[in-house]
Amino acid sequence: MRNPFSRSSLIALGLSLSFSAAHAAEDKAFRVCADPVNPPFSERDGGGFENRIAELFAKELHQKVEYTWFPQRMGFVRNTLKARKEDNEQEWKCDVVMGVPAGWDQVATTKPYYTATYAMVYNRRAGGLENLKEAADLLALAPETLAGLHIAMFDHSSGTDWLHKHGLTLNAIPYQSMTGDASVNTAMTMLEDFKSGKLDVAILWGP
């Protein structure tokens, strides 16, 4: 579906304030701070698109990629980009986060390299949603059909605002963007709930 929301984000590389071209040339590794369970962005097995971008940077610098893994939740930067190595307090654990909001004040950022926005995802097998093409089509559904929909979104996100604006608060199924389990990504949980039929529609950000 076409994007029904007005907000979008410019995504850039996040760099340690101590990172420099000279440092990169001297170092034998392209040191990346990343979440090990955050598809489609980063994964420990290298399957995320940010992993592939890191490999391209390392290749250009004639270096190998070296990761510091930590869940990309509260405390991520403090425990990665701004943390010293345990065995050498003169060195940082890592130098680069492959994707952060442009201008994010916790890091130094590059020029943005892609734009991401909110979009609506829906289950075509759900009754009455077969012909949806844009957000307005959802709002135009028969009241009895609309009332029965289960619509997921990340709590306190633009999706929350949109549902409230259009009187769909009772349809909302909120998901926490940060969970207490570092091995489970909320988007993965949402996908499983889609497959099981618990959800009909989701409002999501990103790729």
C-alpha atoms as a PDB file:
ATOM      1  CA  MET A   1       0.000   0.000   0.000  1.00  0.00           C
ATOM      2  CA  ARG A   2       1.066   3.582  -0.481  1.00  0.00           C
ATOM      3  CA  ASN A   3       2.319   5.385   2.573  1.00  0.00           C
ATOM      4  CA  PRO A   4      -0.591   6.842   4.597  1.00  0.00           C
ATOM      5  CA  PHE A   5       1.626   8.788   6.963  1.00  0.00           C
ATOM      6  CA  SER A   6       3.495  12.050   6.738  1.00  0.00           C
ATOM      7  CA  ARG A   7       6.585  11.184   8.768  1.00  0.00           C
ATOM      8  CA  SER A   8       9.747   9.822   7.196  1.00  0.00           C
ATOM      9  CA  SER A   9      13.286   9.389   8.450  1.00  0.00           C
ATOM     10  CA  LEU A  10      16.627  10.026   6.796  1.00  0.00           C
ATOM     11  CA  ILE A  11      19.054   7.272   7.760  1.00  0.00           C
ATOM     12  CA  ALA A  12      22.780   7.843   8.049  1.00  0.00           C
ATOM     13  CA  LEU A  13      25.885   6.118   9.387  1.00  0.00           C
ATOM     14  CA  GLY A  14      26.486   6.789  13.070  1.00  0.00           C
ATOM     15  CA  LEU A  15      30.124   7.339  13.943  1.00  0.00           C
ATOM     16  CA  SER A  16      32.076   7.498  17.154  1.00  0.00           C
ATOM     17  CA  LEU A  17      33.244  11.049  17.766  1.00  0.00           C
ATOM     18  CA  SER A  18      36.778   9.670  17.913  1.00  0.00           C
ATOM     19  CA  PHE A  19      36.548   7.992  14.504  1.00  0.00           C
ATOM     20  CA  SER A  20      38.661   9.439  11.703  1.00  0.00           C
ATOM     21  CA  ALA A  21      39.913   8.459   8.247  1.00  0.00           C
ATOM     22  CA  ALA A  22      43.444   8.180   9.619  1.00  0.00           C
ATOM     23  CA  HIS A  23      42.243   5.855  12.366  1.00  0.00           C
ATOM     24  CA  ALA A  24      40.431   3.707   9.786  1.00  0.00           C
ATOM     25  CA  ALA A  25      43.553   3.464   7.632  1.00  0.00           C
ATOM     26  CA  GLU A  26      45.695   2.354  10.584  1.00  0.00           C
ATOM     27  CA  ASP A  27      43.192  -0.108  12.034  1.00  0.00           C
ATOM     28  CA  LYS A  28      43.037  -3.622  10.611  1.00  0.00           C
ATOM     29  CA  ALA A  29      39.318  -3.930  11.249  1.00  0.00           C
ATOM     30  CA  PHE A  30      36.179  -2.037  10.277  1.00  0.00           C
ATOM     31  CA  ARG A  31      34.600  -2.108  13.719  1.00  0.00           C
ATOM     32  CA  VAL A  32      30.798  -2.124  13.683  1.00  0.00           C
ATOM     33  CA  CYS A  33      28.316  -1.822  16.577  1.00  0.00           C
ATOM     34  CA  ALA A  34      25.217  -3.882  15.754  1.00  0.00           C
ATOM     35  CA  ASP A  35      22.170  -5.734  17.058  1.00  0.00           C
ATOM     36  CA  PRO A  36      22.535  -9.524  16.569  1.00  0.00           C
ATOM     37  CA  VAL A  37      18.769 -10.068  16.138  1.00  0.00           C
ATOM     38  CA  ASN A  38      17.342  -7.181  14.130  1.00  0.00           C
ATOM     39  CA  PRO A  39      16.220  -8.353  10.673  1.00  0.00           C
ATOM     40  CA  PRO A  40      16.226  -7.054   8.002  1.00  0.00           C
ATOM     41  CA  PHE A  41      18.880  -4.625   9.292  1.00  0.00           C
ATOM     42  CA  SER A  42      21.504  -6.702  11.099  1.00  0.00           C
ATOM     43  CA  GLU A  43      21.895 -10.330  12.121  1.00  0.00           C
ATOM     44  CA  ARG A  44      24.719 -12.250  13.751  1.00  0.00           C
ATOM     45  CA  ASP A  45      24.869 -14.626  10.770  1.00  0.00           C
ATOM     46  CA  GLY A  46      25.444 -11.693   8.390  1.00  0.00           C
ATOM     47  CA  GLY A  47      22.030 -11.846   6.725  1.00  0.00           C
ATOM     48  CA  GLY A  48      20.987  -8.215   7.258  1.00  0.00           C
ATOM     49  CA  PHE A  49      21.378  -5.499   4.635  1.00  0.00           C
ATOM     50  CA  GLU A  50      23.411  -3.393   7.055  1.00  0.00           C
ATOM     51  CA  ASN A  51      25.820  -6.348   7.353  1.00  0.00           C
ATOM     52  CA  ARG A  52      26.265  -6.250   3.570  1.00  0.00           C
ATOM     53  CA  ILE A  53      26.893  -2.498   3.597  1.00  0.00           C
ATOM     54  CA  ALA A  54      29.517  -2.971   6.311  1.00  0.00           C
ATOM     55  CA  GLU A  55      31.225  -5.575   4.141  1.00  0.00           C
ATOM     56  CA  LEU A  56      31.385  -3.098   1.242  1.00  0.00           C
ATOM     57  CA  PHE A  57      32.986  -0.434   3.446  1.00  0.00           C
ATOM     58  CA  ALA A  58      35.511  -2.919   4.803  1.00  0.00           C
ATOM     59  CA  LYS A  59      36.391  -4.096   1.306  1.00  0.00           C
ATOM     60  CA  GLU A  60      37.094  -0.524   0.170  1.00  0.00           C
ATOM     61  CA  LEU A  61      39.293   0.024   3.246  1.00  0.00           C
ATOM     62  CA  HIS A  62      41.044  -3.354   2.787  1.00  0.00           C
ATOM     63  CA  GLN A  63      39.908  -4.403   6.243  1.00  0.00           C
ATOM     64  CA  LYS A  64      37.862  -7.155   7.828  1.00  0.00           C
ATOM     65  CA  VAL A  65      34.542  -6.486   9.561  1.00  0.00           C
ATOM     66  CA  GLU A  66      34.655  -6.846  13.339  1.00  0.00           C
ATOM     67  CA  TYR A  67      31.387  -6.666  15.303  1.00  0.00           C
ATOM     68  CA  THR A  68      30.443  -5.647  18.814  1.00  0.00           C
ATOM     69  CA  TRP A  69      26.984  -7.140  19.354  1.00  0.00           C
ATOM     70  CA  PHE A  70      24.394  -5.587  21.650  1.00  0.00           C
ATOM     71  CA  PRO A  71      20.565  -5.337  21.401  1.00  0.00           C
ATOM     72  CA  GLN A  72      19.663  -2.023  19.753  1.00  0.00           C
ATOM     73  CA  ARG A  73      17.564  -0.840  22.651  1.00  0.00           C
ATOM     74  CA  MET A  74      18.048   1.444  25.628  1.00  0.00           C
ATOM     75  CA  GLY A  75      21.756   1.689  26.411  1.00  0.00           C
ATOM     76  CA  PHE A  76      22.902   0.566  22.949  1.00  0.00           C
ATOM     77  CA  VAL A  77      25.276   3.472  22.288  1.00  0.00           C
ATOM     78  CA  ARG A  78      26.496   3.533  25.891  1.00  0.00           C
ATOM     79  CA  ASN A  79      27.467  -0.148  25.686  1.00  0.00           C
ATOM     80  CA  THR A  80      28.958  -0.090  22.181  1.00  0.00           C
ATOM     81  CA  LEU A  81      30.048   3.136  20.520  1.00  0.00           C
ATOM     82  CA  LYS A  82      30.868   4.908  23.797  1.00  0.00           C
ATOM     83  CA  ALA A  83      32.291   1.895  25.650  1.00  0.00           C
ATOM     84  CA  ARG A  84      35.966   1.045  26.092  1.00  0.00           C
ATOM     85  CA  LYS A  85      37.386  -2.409  25.519  1.00  0.00           C
ATOM     86  CA  GLU A  86      37.679  -4.478  28.683  1.00  0.00           C
ATOM     87  CA  ASP A  87      41.248  -5.532  27.870  1.00  0.00           C
ATOM     88  CA  ASN A  88      42.407  -2.144  26.595  1.00  0.00           C
ATOM     89  CA  GLU A  89      40.803   0.985  28.001  1.00  0.00           C
ATOM     90  CA  GLN A  90      42.645   3.108  25.429  1.00  0.00           C
ATOM     91  CA  GLU A  91      40.435   1.733  22.641  1.00  0.00           C
ATOM     92  CA  TRP A  92      36.702   1.898  21.936  1.00  0.00           C
ATOM     93  CA  LYS A  93      34.751  -1.311  21.368  1.00  0.00           C
ATOM     94  CA  CYS A  94      33.583  -0.189  17.924  1.00  0.00           C
ATOM     95  CA  ASP A  95      33.468   2.857  15.661  1.00  0.00           C
ATOM     96  CA  VAL A  96      30.403   2.724  13.421  1.00  0.00           C
ATOM     97  CA  VAL A  97      26.655   2.087  13.634  1.00  0.00           C
ATOM     98  CA  MET A  98      25.406   1.340  10.120  1.00  0.00           C
ATOM     99  CA  GLY A  99      22.021   3.040  10.475  1.00  0.00           C
ATOM    100  CA  VAL A 100      20.808   5.872  12.736  1.00  0.00           C
ATOM    101  CA  PRO A 101      18.433   8.821  12.209  1.00  0.00           C
ATOM    102  CA  ALA A 102      20.250  11.639  10.411  1.00  0.00           C
ATOM    103  CA  GLY A 103      21.440  14.286  12.854  1.00  0.00           C
ATOM    104  CA  TRP A 104      20.951  12.056  15.909  1.00  0.00           C
ATOM    105  CA  ASP A 105      22.717  13.920  18.711  1.00  0.00           C
ATOM    106  CA  GLN A 106      24.229  10.857  20.412  1.00  0.00           C
ATOM    107  CA  VAL A 107      26.697  10.305  17.566  1.00  0.00           C
ATOM    108  CA  ALA A 108      28.366  12.061  14.660  1.00  0.00           C
ATOM    109  CA  THR A 109      26.420  11.224  11.484  1.00  0.00           C
ATOM    110  CA  THR A 110      27.210  11.085   7.775  1.00  0.00           C
ATOM    111  CA  LYS A 111      24.983  12.396   5.023  1.00  0.00           C
ATOM    112  CA  PRO A 112      21.805  10.256   4.834  1.00  0.00           C
ATOM    113  CA  TYR A 113      21.974   7.316   2.447  1.00  0.00           C
ATOM    114  CA  TYR A 114      18.305   6.286   2.395  1.00  0.00           C
ATOM    115  CA  THR A 115      14.853   7.445   3.438  1.00  0.00           C
ATOM    116  CA  ALA A 116      12.392   5.214   5.288  1.00  0.00           C
ATOM    117  CA  THR A 117       8.776   5.907   6.134  1.00  0.00           C
ATOM    118  CA  TYR A 118       5.700   4.357   7.718  1.00  0.00           C
ATOM    119  CA  ALA A 119       3.550   2.006   5.671  1.00  0.00           C
ATOM    120  CA  MET A 120       0.475  -0.128   6.219  1.00  0.00           C
ATOM    121  CA  VAL A 121       0.782  -3.898   5.870  1.00  0.00           C
ATOM    122  CA  TYR A 122      -2.316  -6.055   5.679  1.00  0.00           C
ATOM    123  CA  ASN A 123      -3.343  -9.671   5.369  1.00  0.00           C
ATOM    124  CA  ARG A 124      -5.085 -10.216   2.028  1.00  0.00           C
ATOM    125  CA  ARG A 125      -6.711 -13.348   3.430  1.00  0.00           C
ATOM    126  CA  ALA A 126      -8.591 -11.305   6.003  1.00  0.00           C
ATOM    127  CA  GLY A 127     -12.193 -10.794   4.972  1.00  0.00           C
ATOM    128  CA  GLY A 128     -12.968  -7.467   3.310  1.00  0.00           C
ATOM    129  CA  LEU A 129      -9.344  -6.370   2.723  1.00  0.00           C
ATOM    130  CA  GLU A 130      -8.818  -7.870  -0.731  1.00  0.00           C
ATOM    131  CA  ASN A 131      -9.095  -4.584  -2.624  1.00  0.00           C
ATOM    132  CA  LEU A 132      -7.165  -2.221  -0.370  1.00  0.00           C
ATOM    133  CA  LYS A 133      -4.745   0.049  -2.204  1.00  0.00           C
ATOM    134  CA  GLU A 134      -4.282   2.953   0.224  1.00  0.00           C
ATOM    135  CA  ALA A 135      -5.151   4.054   3.744  1.00  0.00           C
ATOM    136  CA  ALA A 136      -8.328   5.787   2.595  1.00  0.00           C
ATOM    137  CA  ASP A 137      -9.686   2.427   1.401  1.00  0.00           C
ATOM    138  CA  LEU A 138      -9.338   1.047   4.913  1.00  0.00           C
ATOM    139  CA  LEU A 139     -11.243   3.974   6.391  1.00  0.00           C
ATOM    140  CA  ALA A 140     -13.962   3.522   3.752  1.00  0.00           C
ATOM    141  CA  LEU A 141     -14.725  -0.079   4.777  1.00  0.00           C
ATOM    142  CA  ALA A 142     -18.167  -0.898   6.104  1.00  0.00           C
ATOM    143  CA  PRO A 143     -18.379  -0.014   9.831  1.00  0.00           C
ATOM    144  CA  GLU A 144     -18.990  -3.622  10.845  1.00  0.00           C
ATOM    145  CA  THR A 145     -15.918  -4.778   8.890  1.00  0.00           C
ATOM    146  CA  LEU A 146     -13.719  -1.999  10.240  1.00  0.00           C
ATOM    147  CA  ALA A 147     -14.857  -2.643  13.822  1.00  0.00           C
ATOM    148  CA  GLY A 148     -13.678  -6.254  13.659  1.00  0.00           C
ATOM    149  CA  LEU A 149     -10.114  -5.523  12.502  1.00  0.00           C
ATOM    150  CA  HIS A 150      -7.083  -6.055  14.718  1.00  0.00           C
ATOM    151  CA  ILE A 151      -4.509  -3.386  13.845  1.00  0.00           C
ATOM    152  CA  ALA A 152      -0.958  -3.620  15.204  1.00  0.00           C
ATOM    153  CA  MET A 153       1.491  -0.797  15.764  1.00  0.00           C
ATOM    154  CA  PHE A 154       4.478   0.039  17.914  1.00  0.00           C
ATOM    155  CA  ASP A 155       3.274   1.808  21.028  1.00  0.00           C
ATOM    156  CA  HIS A 156       3.851   5.589  21.150  1.00  0.00           C
ATOM    157  CA  SER A 157       4.616   5.689  17.405  1.00  0.00           C
ATOM    158  CA  SER A 158       3.072   7.519  14.458  1.00  0.00           C
ATOM    159  CA  GLY A 159       0.840   4.472  14.068  1.00  0.00           C
ATOM    160  CA  THR A 160      -0.656   5.168  17.486  1.00  0.00           C
ATOM    161  CA  ASP A 161      -1.351   8.775  16.507  1.00  0.00           C
ATOM    162  CA  TRP A 162      -2.957   7.751  13.209  1.00  0.00           C
ATOM    163  CA  LEU A 163      -5.305   5.218  14.805  1.00  0.00           C
ATOM    164  CA  HIS A 164      -6.368   7.714  17.469  1.00  0.00           C
ATOM    165  CA  LYS A 165      -6.961  10.427  14.853  1.00  0.00           C
ATOM    166  CA  HIS A 166      -9.324   8.173  12.894  1.00  0.00           C
ATOM    167  CA  GLY A 167     -11.226   6.765  15.862  1.00  0.00           C
ATOM    168  CA  LEU A 168      -9.643   3.311  15.691  1.00  0.00           C
ATOM    169  CA  THR A 169      -8.179   3.160  19.181  1.00  0.00           C
ATOM    170  CA  LEU A 170     -10.309   0.140  20.086  1.00  0.00           C
ATOM    171  CA  ASN A 171      -8.848  -1.728  17.095  1.00  0.00           C
ATOM    172  CA  ALA A 172      -5.273  -1.146  18.246  1.00  0.00           C
ATOM    173  CA  ILE A 173      -2.973  -3.992  19.268  1.00  0.00           C
ATOM    174  CA  PRO A 174       0.099  -2.213  20.727  1.00  0.00           C
ATOM    175  CA  TYR A 175       3.553  -3.802  20.666  1.00  0.00           C
ATOM    176  CA  GLN A 176       6.517  -2.569  22.670  1.00  0.00           C
ATOM    177  CA  SER A 177       9.417  -1.533  20.449  1.00  0.00           C
ATOM    178  CA  MET A 178      11.859  -2.638  23.172  1.00  0.00           C
ATOM    179  CA  THR A 179      11.392  -6.009  24.807  1.00  0.00           C
ATOM    180  CA  GLY A 180      13.056  -7.483  27.863  1.00  0.00           C
ATOM    181  CA  ASP A 181      14.208 -10.504  25.846  1.00  0.00           C
ATOM    182  CA  ALA A 182      17.306  -9.688  23.777  1.00  0.00           C
ATOM    183  CA  SER A 183      16.825 -12.820  21.653  1.00  0.00           C
ATOM    184  CA  VAL A 184      13.385 -11.770  20.380  1.00  0.00           C
ATOM    185  CA  ASN A 185      12.741  -8.905  17.978  1.00  0.00           C
ATOM    186  CA  THR A 186       9.258  -7.389  18.284  1.00  0.00           C
ATOM    187  CA  ALA A 187       8.759  -7.269  14.525  1.00  0.00           C
ATOM    188  CA  MET A 188       9.387 -11.032  14.418  1.00  0.00           C
ATOM    189  CA  THR A 189       6.706 -11.562  17.062  1.00  0.00           C
ATOM    190  CA  MET A 190       4.326  -9.415  15.048  1.00  0.00           C
ATOM    191  CA  LEU A 191       5.034 -11.505  11.931  1.00  0.00           C
ATOM    192  CA  GLU A 192       4.179 -14.702  13.782  1.00  0.00           C
ATOM    193  CA  ASP A 193       0.936 -13.125  14.996  1.00  0.00           C
ATOM    194  CA  PHE A 194       0.115 -12.242  11.378  1.00  0.00           C
ATOM    195  CA  LYS A 195       0.657 -15.852  10.342  1.00  0.00           C
ATOM    196  CA  SER A 196      -1.531 -17.171  13.144  1.00  0.00           C
ATOM    197  CA  GLY A 197      -4.389 -14.812  12.273  1.00  0.00           C
ATOM    198  CA  LYS A 198      -4.185 -12.655  15.393  1.00  0.00           C
ATOM    199  CA  LEU A 199      -3.568  -9.555  13.276  1.00  0.00           C
ATOM    200  CA  ASP A 200      -5.243  -8.166  10.162  1.00  0.00           C
ATOM    201  CA  VAL A 201      -3.280  -4.929   9.658  1.00  0.00           C
ATOM    202  CA  ALA A 202       0.001  -3.467  10.944  1.00  0.00           C
ATOM    203  CA  ILE A 203       1.464   0.038  10.777  1.00  0.00           C
ATOM    204  CA  LEU A 204       5.236  -0.284  10.516  1.00  0.00           C
ATOM    205  CA  TRP A 205       8.295   1.860   9.938  1.00  0.00           C
ATOM    206  CA  GLY A 206      11.284   0.984   7.806  1.00  0.00           C
ATOM    207  CA  PRO A 207      12.283  -1.528   5.117  1.00  0.00           C
END
